Amino acid sequence: MQRVELEIARLIKEIEYDEVTKLFAMLSGGKRLRAKLILKIAPNHEKAPLLAAIVELIHGASLLHDDVIDDSHTRRGVASVNATEGSKTAVMLGDILYSKAFTELLSFDKEIAKCVASSVTALSKGEMQDVKMADRFNSDEKKYLDMLYLKTATLIEAAATASALLAGKDAQKHAVYGRNLGLSFQIIDDILDITSDATTLGKPAMNDFVEGKCTLPYIYLYEALNEEDKKRLERSHAQKTEESETLWIKEKMKENESIEKSFLLAQKLSYEAMQAVEDDKELVSILETMIKRSY
């Protein structure tokens, strides 16, 4: 990972703007899941660290835009760029990171470059779908999972596919792995938004629902409720709820096992990903660690 961090630093320095260097430092940290994935799939390829750095720039840009869209004031427990510098600066910084990433992709084989670049189009489409879906309560599981794939899983899928192409491995199997890893990872995050406290999350608990996002636990809960309770849940959507209402939602989720049902889907997707790369113990280990995150 040190090689990746050095590549990221080099790319940022090449932009030749101290303001970008300063602001990008605010994005530092995170799990670097996509970069680690690339290094595990193509550990011996000399261009793997650069590919990982490019994907991390893209991921950073998407987070900047995401925070502006969601009007989020924190990111990973600290103030977001849009909160301290304003939304205009955050959007422009994201644009600079995207542009630099695309420029660097030109040094790769066309198939690899297209794979990563196409995922950014899908990611942006997913973000737009997410915004539109927040306008009203969504109870459609397929619609939500389709959006989740575009917004979250496509870049992880692209990282796995591109690094497999780089290393001469089976790109299709690694695409399945990356897609399902991305979906499982986000479903677990959706669960943690409900079950964890604000200190652990680095943001208010149950913030997704307040922002208008109907994640799987809410969709599964809605399916199980009677008509009166469905209307009550809909009224709470995209609202700052009272503590009594929050407790009611949690109690109903416990009663109807909405969290458990969501976790079962994450497990199913993880198992399918494991089957795709069953001979690669390190990739299987990533899934096992991710699915064990406490909820």
C-alpha atoms as a PDB file:
ATOM      1  CA  MET A   1       0.000   0.000   0.000  1.00  0.00           C
ATOM      2  CA  GLN A   2       2.953   2.313   0.507  1.00  0.00           C
ATOM      3  CA  ARG A   3       3.576   2.209  -3.243  1.00  0.00           C
ATOM      4  CA  VAL A   4      -0.043   3.216  -3.851  1.00  0.00           C
ATOM      5  CA  GLU A   5       0.176   6.141  -1.449  1.00  0.00           C
ATOM      6  CA  LEU A   6       3.368   7.303  -3.209  1.00  0.00           C
ATOM      7  CA  GLU A   7       1.603   7.119  -6.577  1.00  0.00           C
ATOM      8  CA  ILE A   8      -1.375   9.067  -5.230  1.00  0.00           C
ATOM      9  CA  ALA A   9       0.970  11.738  -3.839  1.00  0.00           C
ATOM     10  CA  ARG A  10       2.769  11.947  -7.184  1.00  0.00           C
ATOM     11  CA  LEU A  11      -0.465  12.367  -9.143  1.00  0.00           C
ATOM     12  CA  ILE A  12      -1.706  15.087  -6.807  1.00  0.00           C
ATOM     13  CA  LYS A  13       1.645  16.895  -7.009  1.00  0.00           C
ATOM     14  CA  GLU A  14       1.504  16.796 -10.823  1.00  0.00           C
ATOM     15  CA  ILE A  15      -1.697  18.851 -10.722  1.00  0.00           C
ATOM     16  CA  GLU A  16       0.573  21.705  -9.591  1.00  0.00           C
ATOM     17  CA  TYR A  17      -1.901  23.504  -7.356  1.00  0.00           C
ATOM     18  CA  ASP A  18      -1.200  23.787  -3.629  1.00  0.00           C
ATOM     19  CA  GLU A  19      -4.903  24.262  -2.876  1.00  0.00           C
ATOM     20  CA  VAL A  20      -5.658  20.836  -4.346  1.00  0.00           C
ATOM     21  CA  THR A  21      -2.846  19.265  -2.322  1.00  0.00           C
ATOM     22  CA  LYS A  22      -4.187  20.841   0.865  1.00  0.00           C
ATOM     23  CA  LEU A  23      -7.799  19.878   0.257  1.00  0.00           C
ATOM     24  CA  PHE A  24      -6.980  16.350  -0.900  1.00  0.00           C
ATOM     25  CA  ALA A  25      -5.248  15.760   2.438  1.00  0.00           C
ATOM     26  CA  MET A  26      -8.685  16.159   4.040  1.00  0.00           C
ATOM     27  CA  LEU A  27      -9.804  13.046   2.161  1.00  0.00           C
ATOM     28  CA  SER A  28      -6.929  10.896   3.399  1.00  0.00           C
ATOM     29  CA  GLY A  29      -7.638   7.685   5.222  1.00  0.00           C
ATOM     30  CA  GLY A  30     -10.460   5.292   4.624  1.00  0.00           C
ATOM     31  CA  LYS A  31     -10.332   1.580   4.007  1.00  0.00           C
ATOM     32  CA  ARG A  32      -8.642   1.795   0.579  1.00  0.00           C
ATOM     33  CA  LEU A  33     -10.642  -1.341  -0.239  1.00  0.00           C
ATOM     34  CA  ARG A  34     -10.406  -0.864  -4.009  1.00  0.00           C
ATOM     35  CA  ALA A  35      -6.642  -0.312  -3.949  1.00  0.00           C
ATOM     36  CA  LYS A  36      -6.047  -3.340  -1.730  1.00  0.00           C
ATOM     37  CA  LEU A  37      -8.174  -5.430  -4.054  1.00  0.00           C
ATOM     38  CA  ILE A  38      -6.115  -4.427  -7.085  1.00  0.00           C
ATOM     39  CA  LEU A  39      -2.833  -5.234  -5.314  1.00  0.00           C
ATOM     40  CA  LYS A  40      -4.108  -8.656  -4.236  1.00  0.00           C
ATOM     41  CA  ILE A  41      -5.300  -9.579  -7.747  1.00  0.00           C
ATOM     42  CA  ALA A  42      -2.237  -8.215  -9.586  1.00  0.00           C
ATOM     43  CA  PRO A  43       0.461  -8.201  -6.871  1.00  0.00           C
ATOM     44  CA  ASN A  44       3.419  -8.561  -9.204  1.00  0.00           C
ATOM     45  CA  HIS A  45       2.466  -6.184 -12.010  1.00  0.00           C
ATOM     46  CA  GLU A  46       4.526  -3.011 -12.099  1.00  0.00           C
ATOM     47  CA  LYS A  47       1.500  -0.874 -13.036  1.00  0.00           C
ATOM     48  CA  ALA A  48      -0.820  -2.218 -10.319  1.00  0.00           C
ATOM     49  CA  PRO A  49       0.034   0.584  -7.825  1.00  0.00           C
ATOM     50  CA  LEU A  50      -0.751   3.220 -10.473  1.00  0.00           C
ATOM     51  CA  LEU A  51      -4.054   1.556 -11.335  1.00  0.00           C
ATOM     52  CA  ALA A  52      -4.887   1.428  -7.621  1.00  0.00           C
ATOM     53  CA  ALA A  53      -4.023   5.130  -7.250  1.00  0.00           C
ATOM     54  CA  ILE A  54      -6.244   6.035 -10.204  1.00  0.00           C
ATOM     55  CA  VAL A  55      -9.194   4.137  -8.761  1.00  0.00           C
ATOM     56  CA  GLU A  56      -8.689   5.796  -5.368  1.00  0.00           C
ATOM     57  CA  LEU A  57      -8.727   9.255  -7.030  1.00  0.00           C
ATOM     58  CA  ILE A  58     -12.010   8.319  -8.702  1.00  0.00           C
ATOM     59  CA  HIS A  59     -13.422   7.068  -5.413  1.00  0.00           C
ATOM     60  CA  GLY A  60     -12.315  10.273  -3.675  1.00  0.00           C
ATOM     61  CA  ALA A  61     -13.993  12.390  -6.355  1.00  0.00           C
ATOM     62  CA  SER A  62     -17.240  10.445  -5.994  1.00  0.00           C
ATOM     63  CA  LEU A  63     -17.216  10.993  -2.216  1.00  0.00           C
ATOM     64  CA  LEU A  64     -16.746  14.741  -2.690  1.00  0.00           C
ATOM     65  CA  HIS A  65     -19.728  14.940  -5.012  1.00  0.00           C
ATOM     66  CA  ASP A  66     -21.754  12.606  -2.792  1.00  0.00           C
ATOM     67  CA  ASP A  67     -21.210  14.842   0.247  1.00  0.00           C
ATOM     68  CA  VAL A  68     -22.400  17.878  -1.692  1.00  0.00           C
ATOM     69  CA  ILE A  69     -25.508  16.087  -2.931  1.00  0.00           C
ATOM     70  CA  ASP A  70     -26.349  14.773   0.536  1.00  0.00           C
ATOM     71  CA  ASP A  71     -25.309  18.038   2.241  1.00  0.00           C
ATOM     72  CA  SER A  72     -23.139  15.941   4.569  1.00  0.00           C
ATOM     73  CA  HIS A  73     -21.062  17.897   7.060  1.00  0.00           C
ATOM     74  CA  THR A  74     -18.809  15.029   8.070  1.00  0.00           C
ATOM     75  CA  ARG A  75     -16.781  12.365   6.299  1.00  0.00           C
ATOM     76  CA  ARG A  76     -15.072   9.582   8.262  1.00  0.00           C
ATOM     77  CA  GLY A  77     -15.681  11.431  11.497  1.00  0.00           C
ATOM     78  CA  VAL A  78     -14.181  14.769  10.414  1.00  0.00           C
ATOM     79  CA  ALA A  79     -15.565  17.853   8.681  1.00  0.00           C
ATOM     80  CA  SER A  80     -16.205  17.319   4.968  1.00  0.00           C
ATOM     81  CA  VAL A  81     -14.675  19.568   2.314  1.00  0.00           C
ATOM     82  CA  ASN A  82     -18.062  21.059   1.422  1.00  0.00           C
ATOM     83  CA  ALA A  83     -18.660  21.874   5.097  1.00  0.00           C
ATOM     84  CA  THR A  84     -15.379  23.782   5.512  1.00  0.00           C
ATOM     85  CA  GLU A  85     -14.683  25.101   2.002  1.00  0.00           C
ATOM     86  CA  GLY A  86     -18.122  25.216   0.411  1.00  0.00           C
ATOM     87  CA  SER A  87     -19.931  23.077  -2.149  1.00  0.00           C
ATOM     88  CA  LYS A  88     -18.451  24.851  -5.179  1.00  0.00           C
ATOM     89  CA  THR A  89     -14.911  24.042  -4.077  1.00  0.00           C
ATOM     90  CA  ALA A  90     -15.833  20.428  -3.269  1.00  0.00           C
ATOM     91  CA  VAL A  91     -17.392  19.905  -6.720  1.00  0.00           C
ATOM     92  CA  MET A  92     -14.431  21.478  -8.510  1.00  0.00           C
ATOM     93  CA  LEU A  93     -11.961  19.388  -6.511  1.00  0.00           C
ATOM     94  CA  GLY A  94     -13.928  16.281  -7.466  1.00  0.00           C
ATOM     95  CA  ASP A  95     -13.806  17.317 -11.129  1.00  0.00           C
ATOM     96  CA  ILE A  96     -10.030  17.794 -10.939  1.00  0.00           C
ATOM     97  CA  LEU A  97      -9.561  14.314  -9.426  1.00  0.00           C
ATOM     98  CA  TYR A  98     -11.788  12.711 -12.067  1.00  0.00           C
ATOM     99  CA  SER A  99      -9.918  14.497 -14.875  1.00  0.00           C
ATOM    100  CA  LYS A 100      -6.498  13.525 -13.546  1.00  0.00           C
ATOM    101  CA  ALA A 101      -7.610   9.910 -13.166  1.00  0.00           C
ATOM    102  CA  PHE A 102      -8.893   9.771 -16.752  1.00  0.00           C
ATOM    103  CA  THR A 103      -5.654  11.295 -18.053  1.00  0.00           C
ATOM    104  CA  GLU A 104      -3.608   8.610 -16.297  1.00  0.00           C
ATOM    105  CA  LEU A 105      -5.862   5.840 -17.636  1.00  0.00           C
ATOM    106  CA  LEU A 106      -4.517   6.609 -21.120  1.00  0.00           C
ATOM    107  CA  SER A 107      -1.298   4.791 -20.197  1.00  0.00           C
ATOM    108  CA  PHE A 108      -3.190   1.496 -19.857  1.00  0.00           C
ATOM    109  CA  ASP A 109      -4.479  -0.976 -22.402  1.00  0.00           C
ATOM    110  CA  LYS A 110      -7.731   0.193 -24.012  1.00  0.00           C
ATOM    111  CA  GLU A 111      -9.816  -2.603 -22.473  1.00  0.00           C
ATOM    112  CA  ILE A 112      -8.607  -1.760 -18.956  1.00  0.00           C
ATOM    113  CA  ALA A 113      -9.112   1.980 -19.434  1.00  0.00           C
ATOM    114  CA  LYS A 114     -12.615   1.476 -20.816  1.00  0.00           C
ATOM    115  CA  CYS A 115     -13.537  -0.825 -17.935  1.00  0.00           C
ATOM    116  CA  VAL A 116     -12.645   1.784 -15.299  1.00  0.00           C
ATOM    117  CA  ALA A 117     -13.978   4.811 -17.229  1.00  0.00           C
ATOM    118  CA  SER A 118     -17.324   3.088 -17.913  1.00  0.00           C
ATOM    119  CA  SER A 119     -17.748   2.376 -14.208  1.00  0.00           C
ATOM    120  CA  VAL A 120     -17.618   6.128 -13.499  1.00  0.00           C
ATOM    121  CA  THR A 121     -20.516   6.697 -15.902  1.00  0.00           C
ATOM    122  CA  ALA A 122     -22.463   3.957 -14.117  1.00  0.00           C
ATOM    123  CA  LEU A 123     -21.517   5.371 -10.716  1.00  0.00           C
ATOM    124  CA  SER A 124     -22.804   8.833 -11.677  1.00  0.00           C
ATOM    125  CA  LYS A 125     -26.003   7.334 -13.054  1.00  0.00           C
ATOM    126  CA  GLY A 126     -26.487   5.472  -9.782  1.00  0.00           C
ATOM    127  CA  GLU A 127     -25.976   8.682  -7.792  1.00  0.00           C
ATOM    128  CA  MET A 128     -28.676  10.393  -9.847  1.00  0.00           C
ATOM    129  CA  GLN A 129     -31.040   7.460  -9.304  1.00  0.00           C
ATOM    130  CA  ASP A 130     -30.341   7.623  -5.570  1.00  0.00           C
ATOM    131  CA  VAL A 131     -31.282  11.317  -5.505  1.00  0.00           C
ATOM    132  CA  LYS A 132     -34.513  10.719  -7.436  1.00  0.00           C
ATOM    133  CA  MET A 133     -35.461   7.752  -5.236  1.00  0.00           C
ATOM    134  CA  ALA A 134     -35.162   9.929  -2.132  1.00  0.00           C
ATOM    135  CA  ASP A 135     -38.091  12.050  -3.336  1.00  0.00           C
ATOM    136  CA  ARG A 136     -40.559   9.504  -2.028  1.00  0.00           C
ATOM    137  CA  PHE A 137     -40.624   6.304   0.020  1.00  0.00           C
ATOM    138  CA  ASN A 138     -39.300   3.405  -2.056  1.00  0.00           C
ATOM    139  CA  SER A 139     -40.451  -0.120  -1.241  1.00  0.00           C
ATOM    140  CA  ASP A 140     -39.106  -1.766  -4.414  1.00  0.00           C
ATOM    141  CA  GLU A 141     -36.213  -4.083  -3.498  1.00  0.00           C
ATOM    142  CA  LYS A 142     -35.071  -4.618  -7.105  1.00  0.00           C
ATOM    143  CA  LYS A 143     -35.048  -0.892  -7.824  1.00  0.00           C
ATOM    144  CA  TYR A 144     -32.940  -0.285  -4.733  1.00  0.00           C
ATOM    145  CA  LEU A 145     -30.450  -3.074  -5.509  1.00  0.00           C
ATOM    146  CA  ASP A 146     -30.097  -1.883  -9.121  1.00  0.00           C
ATOM    147  CA  MET A 147     -29.238   1.603  -7.838  1.00  0.00           C
ATOM    148  CA  LEU A 148     -26.861   0.155  -5.250  1.00  0.00           C
ATOM    149  CA  TYR A 149     -25.025  -1.790  -7.928  1.00  0.00           C
ATOM    150  CA  LEU A 150     -24.503   1.330 -10.035  1.00  0.00           C
ATOM    151  CA  LYS A 151     -23.626   3.719  -7.226  1.00  0.00           C
ATOM    152  CA  THR A 152     -21.408   1.477  -5.101  1.00  0.00           C
ATOM    153  CA  ALA A 153     -20.548  -1.869  -6.652  1.00  0.00           C
ATOM    154  CA  THR A 154     -19.543  -0.825 -10.177  1.00  0.00           C
ATOM    155  CA  LEU A 155     -16.231   0.795  -9.181  1.00  0.00           C
ATOM    156  CA  ILE A 156     -15.289  -2.213  -7.026  1.00  0.00           C
ATOM    157  CA  GLU A 157     -16.303  -4.503  -9.890  1.00  0.00           C
ATOM    158  CA  ALA A 158     -14.161  -2.413 -12.274  1.00  0.00           C
ATOM    159  CA  ALA A 159     -11.184  -2.531  -9.893  1.00  0.00           C
ATOM    160  CA  ALA A 160     -11.386  -6.325  -9.736  1.00  0.00           C
ATOM    161  CA  THR A 161     -11.944  -6.727 -13.489  1.00  0.00           C
ATOM    162  CA  ALA A 162      -9.219  -4.279 -14.557  1.00  0.00           C
ATOM    163  CA  SER A 163      -6.614  -5.792 -12.239  1.00  0.00           C
ATOM    164  CA  ALA A 164      -7.521  -9.292 -13.473  1.00  0.00           C
ATOM    165  CA  LEU A 165      -6.979  -8.101 -17.060  1.00  0.00           C
ATOM    166  CA  LEU A 166      -3.684  -6.563 -15.975  1.00  0.00           C
ATOM    167  CA  ALA A 167      -2.549  -9.854 -14.427  1.00  0.00           C
ATOM    168  CA  GLY A 168      -3.890 -12.101 -17.184  1.00  0.00           C
ATOM    169  CA  LYS A 169      -6.483 -13.724 -14.888  1.00  0.00           C
ATOM    170  CA  ASP A 170     -10.154 -14.614 -15.527  1.00  0.00           C
ATOM    171  CA  ALA A 171     -11.796 -11.191 -15.787  1.00  0.00           C
ATOM    172  CA  GLN A 172     -15.375 -12.512 -15.702  1.00  0.00           C
ATOM    173  CA  LYS A 173     -14.923 -14.421 -12.450  1.00  0.00           C
ATOM    174  CA  HIS A 174     -13.256 -11.418 -10.838  1.00  0.00           C
ATOM    175  CA  ALA A 175     -16.075  -9.178 -12.083  1.00  0.00           C
ATOM    176  CA  VAL A 176     -18.581 -11.385 -10.246  1.00  0.00           C
ATOM    177  CA  TYR A 177     -16.400 -11.220  -7.167  1.00  0.00           C
ATOM    178  CA  GLY A 178     -16.089  -7.422  -7.280  1.00  0.00           C
ATOM    179  CA  ARG A 179     -19.774  -6.836  -7.962  1.00  0.00           C
ATOM    180  CA  ASN A 180     -20.949  -9.060  -5.114  1.00  0.00           C
ATOM    181  CA  LEU A 181     -18.296  -7.743  -2.747  1.00  0.00           C
ATOM    182  CA  GLY A 182     -19.505  -4.200  -3.453  1.00  0.00           C
ATOM    183  CA  LEU A 183     -23.161  -5.073  -2.918  1.00  0.00           C
ATOM    184  CA  SER A 184     -22.473  -7.046   0.271  1.00  0.00           C
ATOM    185  CA  PHE A 185     -20.252  -4.309   1.648  1.00  0.00           C
ATOM    186  CA  GLN A 186     -22.935  -1.642   1.138  1.00  0.00           C
ATOM    187  CA  ILE A 187     -25.720  -3.796   2.576  1.00  0.00           C
ATOM    188  CA  ILE A 188     -23.643  -4.278   5.727  1.00  0.00           C
ATOM    189  CA  ASP A 189     -23.076  -0.510   5.834  1.00  0.00           C
ATOM    190  CA  ASP A 190     -26.846  -0.014   5.538  1.00  0.00           C
ATOM    191  CA  ILE A 191     -27.333  -2.311   8.506  1.00  0.00           C
ATOM    192  CA  LEU A 192     -24.647  -0.563  10.556  1.00  0.00           C
ATOM    193  CA  ASP A 193     -26.336   2.798   9.915  1.00  0.00           C
ATOM    194  CA  ILE A 194     -29.234   1.447  11.974  1.00  0.00           C
ATOM    195  CA  THR A 195     -27.487  -0.693  14.574  1.00  0.00           C
ATOM    196  CA  SER A 196     -24.366   1.371  15.386  1.00  0.00           C
ATOM    197  CA  ASP A 197     -24.076   4.572  17.395  1.00  0.00           C
ATOM    198  CA  ALA A 198     -23.002   7.986  16.097  1.00  0.00           C
ATOM    199  CA  THR A 199     -19.484   7.705  17.542  1.00  0.00           C
ATOM    200  CA  THR A 200     -18.823   4.463  15.678  1.00  0.00           C
ATOM    201  CA  LEU A 201     -20.330   5.730  12.432  1.00  0.00           C
ATOM    202  CA  GLY A 202     -18.761   9.176  12.432  1.00  0.00           C
ATOM    203  CA  LYS A 203     -22.214  10.560  11.583  1.00  0.00           C
ATOM    204  CA  PRO A 204     -25.688  10.479  13.195  1.00  0.00           C
ATOM    205  CA  ALA A 205     -27.199   7.002  13.529  1.00  0.00           C
ATOM    206  CA  MET A 206     -30.122   6.159  11.206  1.00  0.00           C
ATOM    207  CA  ASN A 207     -29.060   9.095   9.045  1.00  0.00           C
ATOM    208  CA  ASP A 208     -29.860   7.278   5.788  1.00  0.00           C
ATOM    209  CA  PHE A 209     -33.615   7.324   6.447  1.00  0.00           C
ATOM    210  CA  VAL A 210     -33.499  10.995   7.506  1.00  0.00           C
ATOM    211  CA  GLU A 211     -31.828  11.771   4.151  1.00  0.00           C
ATOM    212  CA  GLY A 212     -34.645   9.964   2.356  1.00  0.00           C
ATOM    213  CA  LYS A 213     -32.830   6.703   1.633  1.00  0.00           C
ATOM    214  CA  CYS A 214     -34.929   3.571   1.994  1.00  0.00           C
ATOM    215  CA  THR A 215     -32.285   0.901   2.476  1.00  0.00           C
ATOM    216  CA  LEU A 216     -33.014  -2.829   2.580  1.00  0.00           C
ATOM    217  CA  PRO A 217     -33.949  -3.073   6.282  1.00  0.00           C
ATOM    218  CA  TYR A 218     -36.622  -0.398   5.760  1.00  0.00           C
ATOM    219  CA  ILE A 219     -37.877  -2.072   2.576  1.00  0.00           C
ATOM    220  CA  TYR A 220     -38.127  -5.447   4.317  1.00  0.00           C
ATOM    221  CA  LEU A 221     -39.818  -3.824   7.307  1.00  0.00           C
ATOM    222  CA  TYR A 222     -42.371  -2.118   5.057  1.00  0.00           C
ATOM    223  CA  GLU A 223     -43.252  -5.443   3.425  1.00  0.00           C
ATOM    224  CA  ALA A 224     -44.026  -6.959   6.837  1.00  0.00           C
ATOM    225  CA  LEU A 225     -46.134  -4.133   8.300  1.00  0.00           C
ATOM    226  CA  ASN A 226     -49.900  -3.762   8.281  1.00  0.00           C
ATOM    227  CA  GLU A 227     -51.440  -0.860   6.346  1.00  0.00           C
ATOM    228  CA  GLU A 228     -51.626   1.486   9.323  1.00  0.00           C
ATOM    229  CA  ASP A 229     -47.998   0.916  10.281  1.00  0.00           C
ATOM    230  CA  LYS A 230     -46.905   1.281   6.652  1.00  0.00           C
ATOM    231  CA  LYS A 231     -48.408   4.771   6.614  1.00  0.00           C
ATOM    232  CA  ARG A 232     -46.657   5.573   9.883  1.00  0.00           C
ATOM    233  CA  LEU A 233     -43.291   4.510   8.441  1.00  0.00           C
ATOM    234  CA  GLU A 234     -43.929   6.548   5.296  1.00  0.00           C
ATOM    235  CA  ARG A 235     -44.664   9.642   7.405  1.00  0.00           C
ATOM    236  CA  SER A 236     -41.260   9.279   9.102  1.00  0.00           C
ATOM    237  CA  HIS A 237     -39.439   9.093   5.770  1.00  0.00           C
ATOM    238  CA  ALA A 238     -36.977  11.959   5.125  1.00  0.00           C
ATOM    239  CA  GLN A 239     -37.860  13.565   8.466  1.00  0.00           C
ATOM    240  CA  LYS A 240     -35.895  14.236  11.635  1.00  0.00           C
ATOM    241  CA  THR A 241     -37.767  11.780  13.798  1.00  0.00           C
ATOM    242  CA  GLU A 242     -38.433  11.962  17.505  1.00  0.00           C
ATOM    243  CA  GLU A 243     -36.629   9.434  19.696  1.00  0.00           C
ATOM    244  CA  SER A 244     -39.924   7.628  20.326  1.00  0.00           C
ATOM    245  CA  GLU A 245     -40.398   7.150  16.570  1.00  0.00           C
ATOM    246  CA  THR A 246     -36.842   5.907  16.146  1.00  0.00           C
ATOM    247  CA  LEU A 247     -37.390   3.377  18.919  1.00  0.00           C
ATOM    248  CA  TRP A 248     -40.640   2.259  17.263  1.00  0.00           C
ATOM    249  CA  ILE A 249     -38.850   1.646  13.957  1.00  0.00           C
ATOM    250  CA  LYS A 250     -36.093  -0.340  15.692  1.00  0.00           C
ATOM    251  CA  GLU A 251     -38.616  -2.391  17.670  1.00  0.00           C
ATOM    252  CA  LYS A 252     -40.582  -3.215  14.534  1.00  0.00           C
ATOM    253  CA  MET A 253     -37.389  -4.187  12.734  1.00  0.00           C
ATOM    254  CA  LYS A 254     -36.497  -6.517  15.592  1.00  0.00           C
ATOM    255  CA  GLU A 255     -39.996  -7.970  15.664  1.00  0.00           C
ATOM    256  CA  ASN A 256     -39.996  -8.629  11.896  1.00  0.00           C
ATOM    257  CA  GLU A 257     -36.284  -9.568  11.611  1.00  0.00           C
ATOM    258  CA  SER A 258     -35.649  -6.936   8.943  1.00  0.00           C
ATOM    259  CA  ILE A 259     -31.965  -6.656   9.861  1.00  0.00           C
ATOM    260  CA  GLU A 260     -31.481 -10.427   9.807  1.00  0.00           C
ATOM    261  CA  LYS A 261     -33.142 -10.707   6.392  1.00  0.00           C
ATOM    262  CA  SER A 262     -30.850  -8.000   5.000  1.00  0.00           C
ATOM    263  CA  PHE A 263     -27.818  -9.758   6.448  1.00  0.00           C
ATOM    264  CA  LEU A 264     -28.866 -13.051   4.852  1.00  0.00           C
ATOM    265  CA  LEU A 265     -28.832 -11.410   1.422  1.00  0.00           C
ATOM    266  CA  ALA A 266     -25.352 -10.000   2.114  1.00  0.00           C
ATOM    267  CA  GLN A 267     -24.226 -13.502   3.095  1.00  0.00           C
ATOM    268  CA  LYS A 268     -25.739 -14.999  -0.079  1.00  0.00           C
ATOM    269  CA  LEU A 269     -23.965 -12.473  -2.292  1.00  0.00           C
ATOM    270  CA  SER A 270     -20.697 -13.041  -0.428  1.00  0.00           C
ATOM    271  CA  TYR A 271     -20.982 -16.800  -0.867  1.00  0.00           C
ATOM    272  CA  GLU A 272     -21.483 -16.372  -4.630  1.00  0.00           C
ATOM    273  CA  ALA A 273     -18.390 -14.147  -4.736  1.00  0.00           C
ATOM    274  CA  MET A 274     -16.370 -16.740  -2.806  1.00  0.00           C
ATOM    275  CA  GLN A 275     -17.401 -19.436  -5.280  1.00  0.00           C
ATOM    276  CA  ALA A 276     -16.182 -17.295  -8.196  1.00  0.00           C
ATOM    277  CA  VAL A 277     -12.631 -17.072  -6.770  1.00  0.00           C
ATOM    278  CA  GLU A 278     -12.579 -20.079  -4.430  1.00  0.00           C
ATOM    279  CA  ASP A 279      -8.928 -20.868  -5.201  1.00  0.00           C
ATOM    280  CA  ASP A 280      -7.746 -17.419  -4.091  1.00  0.00           C
ATOM    281  CA  LYS A 281      -7.578 -17.577  -0.299  1.00  0.00           C
ATOM    282  CA  GLU A 282      -6.734 -13.875   0.108  1.00  0.00           C
ATOM    283  CA  LEU A 283      -9.794 -12.735  -1.831  1.00  0.00           C
ATOM    284  CA  VAL A 284     -11.994 -15.149   0.106  1.00  0.00           C
ATOM    285  CA  SER A 285     -10.510 -13.787   3.335  1.00  0.00           C
ATOM    286  CA  ILE A 286     -11.556 -10.223   2.396  1.00  0.00           C
ATOM    287  CA  LEU A 287     -15.151 -11.383   2.097  1.00  0.00           C
ATOM    288  CA  GLU A 288     -15.033 -13.333   5.333  1.00  0.00           C
ATOM    289  CA  THR A 289     -13.689 -10.307   7.215  1.00  0.00           C
ATOM    290  CA  MET A 290     -16.250  -7.957   5.669  1.00  0.00           C
ATOM    291  CA  ILE A 291     -19.255 -10.150   6.413  1.00  0.00           C
ATOM    292  CA  LYS A 292     -18.182 -10.550  10.048  1.00  0.00           C
ATOM    293  CA  ARG A 293     -18.437  -6.835  10.778  1.00  0.00           C
ATOM    294  CA  SER A 294     -20.540  -6.579  13.922  1.00  0.00           C
ATOM    295  CA  TYR A 295     -24.137  -5.406  13.671  1.00  0.00           C
END
